[in-house]
Amino acid sequence: MRKALTLLLATVLVAGCGIVYRQPVFQGNLLESKNVEQLKTGLTRQQVFSLLGSPPVADPFHQSRWDYVATERRRVGDTEVKNLTLWFEGDSLARWDGEYFPEADKALSVEMRRFGNLARDKDKPRQPRPSSGG
């Protein structure tokens, strides 16, 4: 009983100190800078769809507006929310405004390698090369 209580106390103390790693969580559309930079007025809805994908928020009352919402929750602190809004006039892109998490997937993969969640390229076993038979 005493060992179990000691183990429980140690677990609570370690978890409470923030030593335990908590993975960052991204939700929503993680947009690539190269695609957002290609936005220009006059693009059709289909062209915008092929660049950015479908918007996660579809407002039936504002069909001329697309909202790309993404959130990031890190280990400590509040959740960060970014919203990129596009407005259409008819079928053409009229304007856009807001923010997004550019290249968050690359930054996240670098961070995960640092904590050991992803294998480094040099650690991966090499596949034998097929011989070019002749």
Protein backbone atom coordinates (compact mmCIF):
# COMPACT_ATOMS: atom_id res chain seq x y z
CA MET A 1 0.00 0.00 0.00
CA ARG A 2 2.81 2.36 0.88
CA LYS A 3 4.62 1.68 -2.42
CA ALA A 4 1.45 2.33 -4.40
CA LEU A 5 0.87 5.63 -2.59
CA THR A 6 4.48 6.69 -3.21
CA LEU A 7 4.19 5.79 -6.90
CA LEU A 8 0.91 7.70 -7.21
CA LEU A 9 2.39 10.76 -5.52
CA ALA A 10 5.47 10.69 -7.77
CA THR A 11 3.29 10.40 -10.88
CA VAL A 12 1.13 13.35 -9.85
CA LEU A 13 4.20 15.50 -9.10
CA VAL A 14 5.87 14.70 -12.42
CA ALA A 15 2.70 15.32 -14.43
CA GLY A 16 2.01 18.57 -12.59
CA CYS A 17 5.48 19.99 -13.27
CA GLY A 18 4.99 20.03 -17.02
CA ILE A 19 7.76 17.50 -17.58
CA VAL A 20 5.45 15.22 -19.51
CA TYR A 21 5.50 16.20 -23.18
CA ARG A 22 2.16 17.14 -24.73
CA GLN A 23 2.04 17.19 -28.48
CA PRO A 24 0.86 20.38 -30.23
CA VAL A 25 -2.52 20.03 -31.90
CA PHE A 26 -3.43 21.68 -35.20
CA GLN A 27 -7.00 21.54 -36.46
CA GLY A 28 -8.63 22.97 -39.54
CA ASN A 29 -7.00 23.91 -42.82
CA LEU A 30 -3.21 24.10 -42.79
CA LEU A 31 -2.67 26.19 -45.90
CA GLU A 32 0.56 26.35 -47.83
CA SER A 33 2.07 29.78 -48.50
CA LYS A 34 2.70 28.99 -52.17
CA ASN A 35 -1.04 28.38 -52.69
CA VAL A 36 -2.25 31.42 -50.75
CA GLU A 37 0.22 33.62 -52.64
CA GLN A 38 -1.42 32.54 -55.91
CA LEU A 39 -4.76 34.07 -54.92
CA LYS A 40 -5.80 36.97 -57.12
CA THR A 41 -9.05 38.73 -57.80
CA GLY A 42 -11.06 37.19 -60.60
CA LEU A 43 -10.25 33.54 -59.85
CA THR A 44 -13.28 31.27 -60.07
CA ARG A 45 -14.56 29.26 -57.12
CA GLN A 46 -13.22 26.10 -58.75
CA GLN A 47 -9.73 27.61 -59.10
CA VAL A 48 -9.73 28.71 -55.46
CA PHE A 49 -10.98 25.26 -54.46
CA SER A 50 -8.09 23.62 -56.33
CA LEU A 51 -5.59 25.93 -54.59
CA LEU A 52 -6.87 25.86 -51.01
CA GLY A 53 -9.31 22.98 -50.82
CA SER A 54 -12.79 23.14 -49.41
CA PRO A 55 -13.45 25.58 -46.58
CA PRO A 56 -14.28 23.88 -43.28
CA VAL A 57 -16.93 26.47 -42.47
CA ALA A 58 -19.85 26.66 -44.91
CA ASP A 59 -22.29 29.36 -43.89
CA PRO A 60 -25.65 28.85 -45.62
CA PHE A 61 -26.53 32.51 -45.01
CA HIS A 62 -23.33 33.87 -46.60
CA GLN A 63 -22.64 31.70 -49.64
CA SER A 64 -20.43 34.38 -51.16
CA ARG A 65 -17.97 34.00 -48.28
CA TRP A 66 -15.55 31.16 -47.55
CA ASP A 67 -13.83 30.89 -44.17
CA TYR A 68 -10.68 28.83 -43.68
CA VAL A 69 -10.31 28.44 -39.92
CA ALA A 70 -7.37 26.77 -38.20
CA THR A 71 -6.43 26.41 -34.56
CA GLU A 72 -3.18 25.59 -32.83
CA ARG A 73 -2.93 24.42 -29.24
CA ARG A 74 0.54 24.17 -27.82
CA ARG A 75 1.80 22.58 -24.67
CA VAL A 76 1.28 25.67 -22.53
CA GLY A 77 -0.98 28.59 -23.20
CA ASP A 78 -4.17 29.40 -24.98
CA THR A 79 -5.40 28.07 -28.26
CA GLU A 80 -4.45 30.29 -31.18
CA VAL A 81 -7.13 30.73 -33.85
CA LYS A 82 -6.47 32.08 -37.35
CA ASN A 83 -9.09 32.78 -39.97
CA LEU A 84 -8.59 33.47 -43.67
CA THR A 85 -11.80 34.79 -45.25
CA LEU A 86 -12.47 34.97 -48.99
CA TRP A 87 -15.35 36.91 -50.55
CA PHE A 88 -16.82 36.15 -53.96
CA GLU A 89 -18.95 38.26 -56.26
CA GLY A 90 -20.87 35.78 -58.36
CA ASP A 91 -18.33 33.12 -59.29
CA SER A 92 -15.24 35.38 -59.07
CA LEU A 93 -12.97 36.01 -56.09
CA ALA A 94 -13.38 39.65 -55.07
CA ARG A 95 -11.09 39.95 -52.00
CA TRP A 96 -9.62 38.11 -49.05
CA ASP A 97 -8.43 39.01 -45.59
CA GLY A 98 -7.06 37.34 -42.48
CA GLU A 99 -4.28 35.05 -41.34
CA TYR A 100 -3.32 31.39 -41.56
CA PHE A 101 -0.60 29.08 -40.24
CA PRO A 102 1.90 29.04 -43.11
CA GLU A 103 3.92 25.86 -43.47
CA ALA A 104 2.83 24.64 -40.06
CA ASP A 105 3.17 21.05 -41.16
CA LYS A 106 6.92 21.48 -41.81
CA ALA A 107 7.50 23.23 -38.49
CA LEU A 108 5.51 20.54 -36.69
CA SER A 109 7.54 17.73 -38.28
CA VAL A 110 10.81 19.44 -37.23
CA GLU A 111 9.49 19.79 -33.69
CA MET A 112 8.36 16.16 -33.56
CA ARG A 113 11.82 14.98 -34.64
CA ARG A 114 13.32 16.96 -31.75
CA PHE A 115 11.11 15.10 -29.28
CA GLY A 116 11.69 11.74 -30.92
CA ASN A 117 8.23 11.15 -32.35
CA LEU A 118 9.41 11.00 -35.97
CA ALA A 119 12.36 9.08 -37.32
CA ARG A 120 15.22 11.10 -38.72
CA ASP A 121 16.17 10.32 -42.30
CA LYS A 122 19.63 9.13 -41.29
CA ASP A 123 18.09 6.73 -38.76
CA LYS A 124 15.90 5.03 -41.31
CA PRO A 125 17.19 1.69 -42.56
CA ARG A 126 18.39 1.90 -46.12
CA GLN A 127 16.77 -0.22 -48.75
CA PRO A 128 19.22 -2.18 -50.88
CA ARG A 129 19.48 -0.77 -54.37
CA PRO A 130 18.39 -3.05 -57.16
CA SER A 131 21.30 -4.01 -59.33
CA SER A 132 21.15 -2.93 -62.91
CA GLY A 133 21.48 -6.30 -64.50
CA GLY A 134 22.83 -6.53 -67.94
